[in-house]
N, C-alpha and C. Protein backbone atom coordinates (compact mmCIF):
# COMPACT_ATOMS: atom_id res chain seq x y z
N UNK A 1 -47.99 -60.10 77.29
CA UNK A 1 -47.89 -58.75 77.80
C UNK A 1 -46.90 -58.77 78.96
N UNK A 2 -45.81 -58.06 78.82
CA UNK A 2 -44.79 -58.13 79.84
C UNK A 2 -44.29 -56.79 80.31
N UNK A 3 -45.14 -55.77 80.31
CA UNK A 3 -44.70 -54.47 80.78
C UNK A 3 -44.44 -54.47 82.27
N UNK A 4 -43.73 -53.47 82.70
CA UNK A 4 -43.39 -53.34 84.12
C UNK A 4 -44.63 -53.25 85.01
N UNK A 5 -45.61 -52.47 84.58
CA UNK A 5 -46.82 -52.31 85.40
C UNK A 5 -47.59 -53.64 85.49
N UNK A 6 -47.56 -54.44 84.42
CA UNK A 6 -48.23 -55.74 84.45
C UNK A 6 -47.53 -56.67 85.43
N UNK A 7 -46.20 -56.63 85.43
CA UNK A 7 -45.44 -57.48 86.36
C UNK A 7 -45.71 -57.07 87.81
N UNK A 8 -45.81 -55.77 88.04
CA UNK A 8 -46.12 -55.29 89.39
C UNK A 8 -47.52 -55.74 89.79
N UNK A 9 -48.48 -55.62 88.88
CA UNK A 9 -49.84 -56.07 89.15
C UNK A 9 -49.87 -57.57 89.44
N UNK A 10 -49.12 -58.34 88.66
CA UNK A 10 -49.04 -59.79 88.90
C UNK A 10 -48.53 -60.08 90.31
N UNK A 11 -47.46 -59.39 90.71
CA UNK A 11 -46.88 -59.61 92.04
C UNK A 11 -47.85 -59.21 93.15
N UNK A 12 -48.51 -58.07 92.98
CA UNK A 12 -49.48 -57.63 93.99
C UNK A 12 -50.58 -58.67 94.14
N UNK A 13 -51.06 -59.17 93.03
CA UNK A 13 -52.11 -60.18 93.03
C UNK A 13 -51.63 -61.45 93.74
N UNK A 14 -50.47 -61.94 93.36
CA UNK A 14 -49.94 -63.18 93.95
C UNK A 14 -49.62 -63.02 95.43
N UNK A 15 -49.01 -61.90 95.80
CA UNK A 15 -48.66 -61.67 97.21
C UNK A 15 -49.91 -61.51 98.06
N UNK A 16 -50.92 -60.82 97.52
CA UNK A 16 -52.18 -60.64 98.27
C UNK A 16 -52.84 -61.98 98.55
N UNK A 17 -52.92 -62.83 97.54
CA UNK A 17 -53.54 -64.14 97.72
C UNK A 17 -52.72 -64.98 98.70
N UNK A 18 -51.42 -65.01 98.51
CA UNK A 18 -50.55 -65.82 99.37
C UNK A 18 -50.60 -65.34 100.82
N UNK A 19 -50.53 -64.03 101.01
CA UNK A 19 -50.54 -63.47 102.37
C UNK A 19 -51.86 -63.76 103.06
N UNK A 20 -52.97 -63.62 102.34
CA UNK A 20 -54.28 -63.88 102.94
C UNK A 20 -54.43 -65.35 103.33
N UNK A 21 -53.93 -66.25 102.50
CA UNK A 21 -54.00 -67.68 102.83
C UNK A 21 -53.11 -67.98 104.03
N UNK A 22 -51.90 -67.42 104.06
CA UNK A 22 -50.99 -67.64 105.17
C UNK A 22 -51.56 -67.11 106.48
N UNK A 23 -52.07 -65.89 106.46
CA UNK A 23 -52.65 -65.31 107.68
C UNK A 23 -53.85 -66.13 108.13
N UNK A 24 -54.67 -66.59 107.18
CA UNK A 24 -55.83 -67.43 107.53
C UNK A 24 -55.38 -68.72 108.21
N UNK A 25 -54.37 -69.36 107.65
CA UNK A 25 -53.87 -70.61 108.23
C UNK A 25 -53.31 -70.38 109.63
N UNK A 26 -52.56 -69.31 109.81
CA UNK A 26 -52.00 -69.00 111.13
C UNK A 26 -53.10 -68.67 112.14
N UNK A 27 -54.12 -67.96 111.68
CA UNK A 27 -55.24 -67.65 112.58
C UNK A 27 -56.02 -68.91 112.97
N UNK A 28 -56.16 -69.84 112.05
CA UNK A 28 -56.82 -71.10 112.38
C UNK A 28 -56.03 -71.84 113.45
N UNK A 29 -54.71 -71.92 113.27
CA UNK A 29 -53.86 -72.58 114.27
C UNK A 29 -53.93 -71.86 115.62
N UNK A 30 -53.89 -70.54 115.58
CA UNK A 30 -53.99 -69.73 116.79
C UNK A 30 -55.31 -69.99 117.50
N UNK A 31 -56.39 -70.03 116.73
CA UNK A 31 -57.72 -70.24 117.32
C UNK A 31 -57.86 -71.65 117.88
N UNK A 32 -57.27 -72.63 117.22
CA UNK A 32 -57.30 -74.00 117.75
C UNK A 32 -56.57 -74.05 119.09
N UNK A 33 -55.42 -73.40 119.17
CA UNK A 33 -54.68 -73.34 120.43
C UNK A 33 -55.51 -72.66 121.52
N UNK A 34 -56.15 -71.56 121.17
CA UNK A 34 -56.98 -70.87 122.16
C UNK A 34 -58.13 -71.74 122.64
N UNK A 35 -58.71 -72.50 121.76
CA UNK A 35 -59.83 -73.37 122.16
C UNK A 35 -59.35 -74.49 123.07
N UNK A 36 -58.12 -74.95 122.85
CA UNK A 36 -57.57 -75.98 123.74
C UNK A 36 -57.40 -75.45 125.17
N UNK A 37 -57.16 -74.16 125.27
CA UNK A 37 -56.99 -73.56 126.59
C UNK A 37 -58.32 -73.07 127.18
N UNK A 38 -59.42 -73.30 126.43
CA UNK A 38 -60.72 -72.92 126.94
C UNK A 38 -61.22 -71.58 126.43
N UNK A 39 -60.45 -70.91 125.62
CA UNK A 39 -60.86 -69.61 125.08
C UNK A 39 -60.88 -69.70 123.56
N UNK A 40 -61.91 -69.19 122.97
CA UNK A 40 -61.97 -69.11 121.51
C UNK A 40 -61.98 -67.65 121.10
N UNK A 41 -61.67 -67.40 119.88
CA UNK A 41 -61.64 -66.02 119.39
C UNK A 41 -62.65 -65.85 118.27
N UNK A 42 -63.70 -65.10 118.54
CA UNK A 42 -64.72 -64.86 117.53
C UNK A 42 -64.17 -63.96 116.42
N UNK A 43 -63.35 -62.98 116.80
CA UNK A 43 -62.82 -62.07 115.79
C UNK A 43 -61.93 -62.80 114.79
N UNK A 44 -61.21 -63.83 115.28
CA UNK A 44 -60.33 -64.58 114.37
C UNK A 44 -61.16 -65.35 113.34
N UNK A 45 -62.26 -65.95 113.79
CA UNK A 45 -63.12 -66.68 112.86
C UNK A 45 -63.69 -65.75 111.80
N UNK A 46 -64.09 -64.56 112.23
CA UNK A 46 -64.65 -63.60 111.28
C UNK A 46 -63.58 -63.12 110.30
N UNK A 47 -62.40 -62.84 110.80
CA UNK A 47 -61.31 -62.39 109.94
C UNK A 47 -60.92 -63.47 108.93
N UNK A 48 -60.87 -64.72 109.36
CA UNK A 48 -60.57 -65.83 108.46
C UNK A 48 -61.61 -65.89 107.34
N UNK A 49 -62.87 -65.76 107.71
CA UNK A 49 -63.95 -65.80 106.72
C UNK A 49 -63.76 -64.68 105.68
N UNK A 50 -63.48 -63.48 106.15
CA UNK A 50 -63.30 -62.35 105.23
C UNK A 50 -62.04 -62.51 104.37
N UNK A 51 -60.98 -63.02 104.95
CA UNK A 51 -59.76 -63.24 104.17
C UNK A 51 -59.98 -64.27 103.06
N UNK A 52 -60.73 -65.31 103.36
CA UNK A 52 -61.00 -66.33 102.34
C UNK A 52 -61.91 -65.77 101.23
N UNK A 53 -62.80 -64.87 101.61
CA UNK A 53 -63.61 -64.20 100.59
C UNK A 53 -62.72 -63.35 99.70
N UNK A 54 -61.77 -62.64 100.31
CA UNK A 54 -60.83 -61.82 99.53
C UNK A 54 -60.00 -62.71 98.60
N UNK A 55 -59.54 -63.85 99.09
CA UNK A 55 -58.77 -64.78 98.26
C UNK A 55 -59.60 -65.22 97.06
N UNK A 56 -60.86 -65.51 97.30
CA UNK A 56 -61.74 -65.95 96.22
C UNK A 56 -61.89 -64.87 95.15
N UNK A 57 -62.16 -63.64 95.58
CA UNK A 57 -62.39 -62.58 94.61
C UNK A 57 -61.11 -62.18 93.87
N UNK A 58 -60.00 -62.08 94.57
CA UNK A 58 -58.74 -61.76 93.88
C UNK A 58 -58.32 -62.94 93.01
N UNK A 59 -58.65 -64.15 93.46
CA UNK A 59 -58.34 -65.34 92.69
C UNK A 59 -59.07 -65.40 91.35
N UNK A 60 -60.22 -64.73 91.25
CA UNK A 60 -60.92 -64.67 89.96
C UNK A 60 -60.03 -64.06 88.88
N UNK A 61 -59.40 -62.97 89.23
CA UNK A 61 -58.50 -62.29 88.28
C UNK A 61 -57.28 -63.16 87.97
N UNK A 62 -56.75 -63.78 89.00
CA UNK A 62 -55.58 -64.66 88.82
C UNK A 62 -55.93 -65.79 87.84
N UNK A 63 -57.10 -66.36 87.99
CA UNK A 63 -57.52 -67.45 87.11
C UNK A 63 -57.70 -66.98 85.67
N UNK A 64 -58.20 -65.76 85.48
CA UNK A 64 -58.31 -65.23 84.12
C UNK A 64 -56.91 -65.09 83.52
N UNK A 65 -55.99 -64.55 84.31
CA UNK A 65 -54.62 -64.35 83.81
C UNK A 65 -53.97 -65.66 83.41
N UNK A 66 -54.16 -66.71 84.22
CA UNK A 66 -53.52 -68.00 83.98
C UNK A 66 -54.33 -68.93 83.06
N UNK A 67 -55.48 -68.46 82.59
CA UNK A 67 -56.40 -69.30 81.81
C UNK A 67 -56.82 -70.54 82.59
N UNK A 68 -57.01 -70.38 83.88
CA UNK A 68 -57.42 -71.50 84.72
C UNK A 68 -58.89 -71.45 85.09
N UNK A 69 -59.63 -70.50 84.53
CA UNK A 69 -61.05 -70.42 84.81
C UNK A 69 -61.76 -71.55 84.07
N UNK A 70 -62.95 -71.87 84.55
CA UNK A 70 -63.70 -72.95 83.93
C UNK A 70 -64.28 -72.49 82.60
N UNK A 71 -64.18 -73.33 81.62
CA UNK A 71 -64.79 -73.05 80.33
C UNK A 71 -65.00 -74.37 79.60
N UNK A 72 -65.87 -74.33 78.64
CA UNK A 72 -66.14 -75.51 77.84
C UNK A 72 -65.28 -75.38 76.58
N UNK A 73 -64.37 -76.30 76.41
CA UNK A 73 -63.44 -76.20 75.28
C UNK A 73 -63.82 -77.12 74.12
N UNK A 74 -65.01 -77.67 74.17
CA UNK A 74 -65.44 -78.57 73.09
C UNK A 74 -65.52 -77.83 71.75
N UNK A 75 -66.26 -76.71 71.71
CA UNK A 75 -66.44 -75.98 70.46
C UNK A 75 -65.14 -75.36 69.96
N UNK A 76 -64.36 -74.67 70.83
CA UNK A 76 -63.08 -74.15 70.32
C UNK A 76 -62.16 -75.26 69.81
N UNK A 77 -62.27 -76.45 70.39
CA UNK A 77 -61.44 -77.57 69.95
C UNK A 77 -61.81 -78.04 68.55
N UNK A 78 -63.06 -77.82 68.16
CA UNK A 78 -63.51 -78.23 66.82
C UNK A 78 -63.13 -77.21 65.76
N UNK A 79 -62.97 -75.96 66.18
CA UNK A 79 -62.71 -74.89 65.22
C UNK A 79 -61.22 -74.73 64.95
N UNK A 80 -60.92 -74.19 63.78
CA UNK A 80 -59.54 -73.93 63.38
C UNK A 80 -59.44 -72.51 62.85
N UNK A 81 -58.24 -72.00 62.84
CA UNK A 81 -57.95 -70.73 62.19
C UNK A 81 -58.69 -69.54 62.77
N UNK A 82 -59.17 -68.69 61.86
CA UNK A 82 -59.83 -67.44 62.27
C UNK A 82 -61.15 -67.68 62.99
N UNK A 83 -61.81 -68.81 62.70
CA UNK A 83 -63.07 -69.11 63.39
C UNK A 83 -62.78 -69.33 64.89
N UNK A 84 -61.71 -70.05 65.18
CA UNK A 84 -61.33 -70.28 66.57
C UNK A 84 -60.92 -68.97 67.23
N UNK A 85 -60.14 -68.18 66.53
CA UNK A 85 -59.70 -66.89 67.05
C UNK A 85 -60.90 -65.99 67.35
N UNK A 86 -61.87 -65.98 66.46
CA UNK A 86 -63.07 -65.16 66.64
C UNK A 86 -63.87 -65.62 67.86
N UNK A 87 -64.02 -66.93 68.01
CA UNK A 87 -64.75 -67.45 69.16
C UNK A 87 -64.06 -67.10 70.47
N UNK A 88 -62.74 -67.23 70.51
CA UNK A 88 -61.98 -66.88 71.71
C UNK A 88 -62.14 -65.39 72.01
N UNK A 89 -62.09 -64.56 70.98
CA UNK A 89 -62.28 -63.12 71.17
C UNK A 89 -63.68 -62.81 71.70
N UNK A 90 -64.68 -63.51 71.19
CA UNK A 90 -66.05 -63.32 71.69
C UNK A 90 -66.13 -63.71 73.16
N UNK A 91 -65.53 -64.86 73.50
CA UNK A 91 -65.54 -65.32 74.90
C UNK A 91 -64.89 -64.30 75.83
N UNK A 92 -63.72 -63.81 75.45
CA UNK A 92 -63.02 -62.83 76.28
C UNK A 92 -63.78 -61.51 76.33
N UNK A 93 -64.42 -61.14 75.25
CA UNK A 93 -65.20 -59.90 75.23
C UNK A 93 -66.41 -60.00 76.17
N UNK A 94 -67.05 -61.16 76.18
CA UNK A 94 -68.16 -61.38 77.11
C UNK A 94 -67.65 -61.33 78.54
N UNK A 95 -66.48 -61.93 78.78
CA UNK A 95 -65.88 -61.87 80.12
C UNK A 95 -65.57 -60.44 80.52
N UNK A 96 -65.04 -59.64 79.59
CA UNK A 96 -64.75 -58.23 79.87
C UNK A 96 -66.03 -57.47 80.18
N UNK A 97 -67.05 -57.69 79.39
CA UNK A 97 -68.33 -57.02 79.64
C UNK A 97 -68.88 -57.40 81.01
N UNK A 98 -68.83 -58.70 81.34
CA UNK A 98 -69.28 -59.14 82.66
C UNK A 98 -68.49 -58.44 83.77
N UNK A 99 -67.17 -58.39 83.62
CA UNK A 99 -66.33 -57.78 84.65
C UNK A 99 -66.67 -56.30 84.84
N UNK A 100 -66.93 -55.59 83.75
CA UNK A 100 -67.27 -54.17 83.85
C UNK A 100 -68.64 -53.96 84.51
N UNK A 101 -69.62 -54.77 84.12
CA UNK A 101 -70.95 -54.67 84.73
C UNK A 101 -70.87 -55.07 86.20
N UNK A 102 -70.13 -56.12 86.48
CA UNK A 102 -69.92 -56.58 87.86
C UNK A 102 -69.30 -55.47 88.70
N UNK A 103 -68.30 -54.78 88.15
CA UNK A 103 -67.65 -53.68 88.87
C UNK A 103 -68.63 -52.54 89.12
N UNK A 104 -69.40 -52.20 88.11
CA UNK A 104 -70.36 -51.11 88.24
C UNK A 104 -71.34 -51.38 89.39
N UNK A 105 -71.96 -52.55 89.36
CA UNK A 105 -72.94 -52.86 90.40
C UNK A 105 -72.27 -53.05 91.76
N UNK A 106 -71.02 -53.49 91.76
CA UNK A 106 -70.29 -53.61 93.02
C UNK A 106 -70.05 -52.25 93.64
N UNK A 107 -69.72 -51.26 92.81
CA UNK A 107 -69.55 -49.90 93.34
C UNK A 107 -70.87 -49.37 93.89
N UNK A 108 -71.96 -49.69 93.23
CA UNK A 108 -73.27 -49.30 93.73
C UNK A 108 -73.53 -49.94 95.10
N UNK A 109 -73.15 -51.20 95.22
CA UNK A 109 -73.32 -51.92 96.48
C UNK A 109 -72.46 -51.30 97.59
N UNK A 110 -71.23 -50.94 97.26
CA UNK A 110 -70.34 -50.29 98.23
C UNK A 110 -70.95 -48.97 98.68
N UNK A 111 -71.48 -48.20 97.75
CA UNK A 111 -72.12 -46.93 98.08
C UNK A 111 -73.30 -47.14 99.02
N UNK A 112 -74.11 -48.15 98.73
CA UNK A 112 -75.24 -48.48 99.60
C UNK A 112 -74.74 -48.85 101.00
N UNK A 113 -73.70 -49.66 101.04
CA UNK A 113 -73.15 -50.10 102.33
C UNK A 113 -72.61 -48.92 103.13
N UNK A 114 -71.99 -47.97 102.46
CA UNK A 114 -71.47 -46.79 103.15
C UNK A 114 -72.62 -45.95 103.72
N UNK A 115 -73.72 -45.88 102.99
CA UNK A 115 -74.85 -45.07 103.44
C UNK A 115 -75.63 -45.72 104.57
N UNK A 116 -75.53 -47.03 104.72
CA UNK A 116 -76.27 -47.71 105.78
C UNK A 116 -75.44 -47.90 107.05
N UNK A 117 -74.17 -47.56 107.01
CA UNK A 117 -73.28 -47.65 108.18
C UNK A 117 -73.28 -49.04 108.82
N UNK A 118 -73.13 -50.06 108.00
CA UNK A 118 -73.05 -51.43 108.51
C UNK A 118 -71.66 -51.71 109.04
N UNK A 119 -71.57 -52.45 110.14
CA UNK A 119 -70.29 -52.87 110.72
C UNK A 119 -70.29 -54.37 110.91
N UNK A 120 -69.10 -54.97 110.80
CA UNK A 120 -68.99 -56.41 111.03
C UNK A 120 -69.20 -56.67 112.52
N UNK A 121 -69.80 -57.80 112.87
CA UNK A 121 -70.15 -58.06 114.27
C UNK A 121 -68.96 -58.15 115.22
N UNK A 122 -67.94 -58.91 114.87
CA UNK A 122 -66.85 -59.16 115.82
C UNK A 122 -65.70 -58.16 115.65
N UNK A 123 -65.36 -57.83 114.42
CA UNK A 123 -64.22 -56.93 114.18
C UNK A 123 -64.61 -55.46 114.31
N UNK A 124 -65.91 -55.18 114.19
CA UNK A 124 -66.44 -53.83 114.25
C UNK A 124 -65.80 -52.92 113.18
N UNK A 125 -65.61 -53.49 111.99
CA UNK A 125 -65.04 -52.77 110.85
C UNK A 125 -66.21 -52.41 109.93
N UNK A 126 -66.19 -51.22 109.33
CA UNK A 126 -67.26 -50.91 108.37
C UNK A 126 -67.27 -51.95 107.24
N UNK A 127 -68.45 -52.43 106.91
CA UNK A 127 -68.57 -53.50 105.93
C UNK A 127 -68.11 -53.08 104.54
N UNK A 128 -68.19 -51.79 104.23
CA UNK A 128 -67.74 -51.37 102.90
C UNK A 128 -66.24 -51.61 102.73
N UNK A 129 -65.48 -51.62 103.81
CA UNK A 129 -64.04 -51.93 103.72
C UNK A 129 -63.86 -53.40 103.34
N UNK A 130 -64.69 -54.25 103.90
CA UNK A 130 -64.63 -55.68 103.58
C UNK A 130 -65.13 -55.91 102.15
N UNK A 131 -66.19 -55.19 101.76
CA UNK A 131 -66.78 -55.37 100.44
C UNK A 131 -65.96 -54.74 99.32
N UNK A 132 -64.99 -53.90 99.63
CA UNK A 132 -64.24 -53.19 98.59
C UNK A 132 -63.51 -54.15 97.64
N UNK A 133 -63.28 -55.36 98.09
CA UNK A 133 -62.61 -56.35 97.23
C UNK A 133 -63.49 -56.72 96.02
N UNK A 134 -64.78 -56.56 96.15
CA UNK A 134 -65.68 -56.99 95.07
C UNK A 134 -65.47 -56.13 93.81
N UNK A 135 -65.61 -54.79 93.90
CA UNK A 135 -65.35 -54.02 92.67
C UNK A 135 -63.87 -54.06 92.26
N UNK A 136 -62.98 -54.16 93.24
CA UNK A 136 -61.55 -54.27 92.94
C UNK A 136 -61.29 -55.50 92.09
N UNK A 137 -61.89 -56.62 92.46
CA UNK A 137 -61.69 -57.85 91.68
C UNK A 137 -62.32 -57.73 90.30
N UNK A 138 -63.45 -57.05 90.20
CA UNK A 138 -64.06 -56.84 88.90
C UNK A 138 -63.17 -56.02 87.98
N UNK A 139 -62.54 -54.98 88.53
CA UNK A 139 -61.62 -54.17 87.74
C UNK A 139 -60.38 -54.97 87.35
N UNK A 140 -59.88 -55.79 88.28
CA UNK A 140 -58.75 -56.65 87.94
C UNK A 140 -59.11 -57.62 86.82
N UNK A 141 -60.32 -58.21 86.91
CA UNK A 141 -60.75 -59.11 85.84
C UNK A 141 -60.87 -58.38 84.51
N UNK A 142 -61.37 -57.14 84.54
CA UNK A 142 -61.49 -56.35 83.31
C UNK A 142 -60.11 -56.11 82.70
N UNK A 143 -59.13 -55.80 83.56
CA UNK A 143 -57.76 -55.62 83.07
C UNK A 143 -57.25 -56.91 82.45
N UNK A 144 -57.48 -58.02 83.13
CA UNK A 144 -56.99 -59.32 82.64
C UNK A 144 -57.67 -59.73 81.34
N UNK A 145 -58.99 -59.52 81.24
CA UNK A 145 -59.67 -59.85 79.99
C UNK A 145 -59.20 -58.94 78.86
N UNK A 146 -58.94 -57.67 79.17
CA UNK A 146 -58.40 -56.76 78.15
C UNK A 146 -57.03 -57.25 77.67
N UNK A 147 -56.20 -57.70 78.61
CA UNK A 147 -54.90 -58.25 78.23
C UNK A 147 -55.07 -59.47 77.33
N UNK A 148 -56.02 -60.33 77.68
CA UNK A 148 -56.25 -61.54 76.89
C UNK A 148 -56.71 -61.19 75.48
N UNK A 149 -57.59 -60.20 75.37
CA UNK A 149 -58.07 -59.78 74.05
C UNK A 149 -56.91 -59.27 73.21
N UNK A 150 -56.05 -58.46 73.80
CA UNK A 150 -54.89 -57.92 73.08
C UNK A 150 -53.96 -59.06 72.67
N UNK A 151 -53.73 -60.01 73.58
CA UNK A 151 -52.88 -61.16 73.25
C UNK A 151 -53.43 -61.92 72.06
N UNK A 152 -54.73 -62.18 72.05
CA UNK A 152 -55.33 -62.95 70.97
C UNK A 152 -55.26 -62.18 69.65
N UNK A 153 -55.47 -60.88 69.71
CA UNK A 153 -55.43 -60.07 68.49
C UNK A 153 -54.05 -60.09 67.84
N UNK A 154 -53.00 -60.15 68.65
CA UNK A 154 -51.65 -60.08 68.11
C UNK A 154 -50.92 -61.42 68.09
N UNK A 155 -51.61 -62.49 68.38
CA UNK A 155 -51.00 -63.81 68.41
C UNK A 155 -51.35 -64.58 67.14
N UNK A 156 -50.48 -65.48 66.79
CA UNK A 156 -50.76 -66.37 65.65
C UNK A 156 -51.94 -67.26 66.00
N UNK A 157 -52.72 -67.59 65.02
CA UNK A 157 -53.92 -68.41 65.21
C UNK A 157 -53.56 -69.75 65.84
N UNK A 158 -52.42 -70.33 65.46
CA UNK A 158 -52.01 -71.64 65.98
C UNK A 158 -51.71 -71.62 67.48
N UNK A 159 -51.35 -70.45 68.03
CA UNK A 159 -50.93 -70.35 69.42
C UNK A 159 -52.09 -70.07 70.37
N UNK A 160 -53.29 -69.97 69.86
CA UNK A 160 -54.45 -69.61 70.69
C UNK A 160 -54.98 -70.85 71.38
N UNK A 161 -55.18 -70.71 72.68
CA UNK A 161 -55.76 -71.81 73.47
C UNK A 161 -57.24 -71.64 73.52
């Protein structure tokens, strides 16, 4: 799948992950320097923690796109032809279903968080802003699994991983 919108989504995903890791690394260095001078930054530690959580959740979608997620390839390795294609389609369909259910319950969680007016301790940011990555990553995974299903449907049986 190589449409323009897919390429833009790929770039947004990659830049988001890279930027969050870079900012986290710089904040760690900044905080180490501050501690050497006798001052530490609680807000930096909290922001690093949240950035790494964002990297993890956005990374879920990235792993689906790159086929780098964990899976057991013993059974697909034994199968050939349409049986293998069917099993791969079932696996991706289960992943899509999980991503959609995950997104649904994540939106419910965001709604709950908005109604309880929770704020992060050091940054004093509403927690629903921090949690918004959860349903976002679920939707990204749903898009990626949908792409994978379409790829498998239109790909030769021999080319399926």
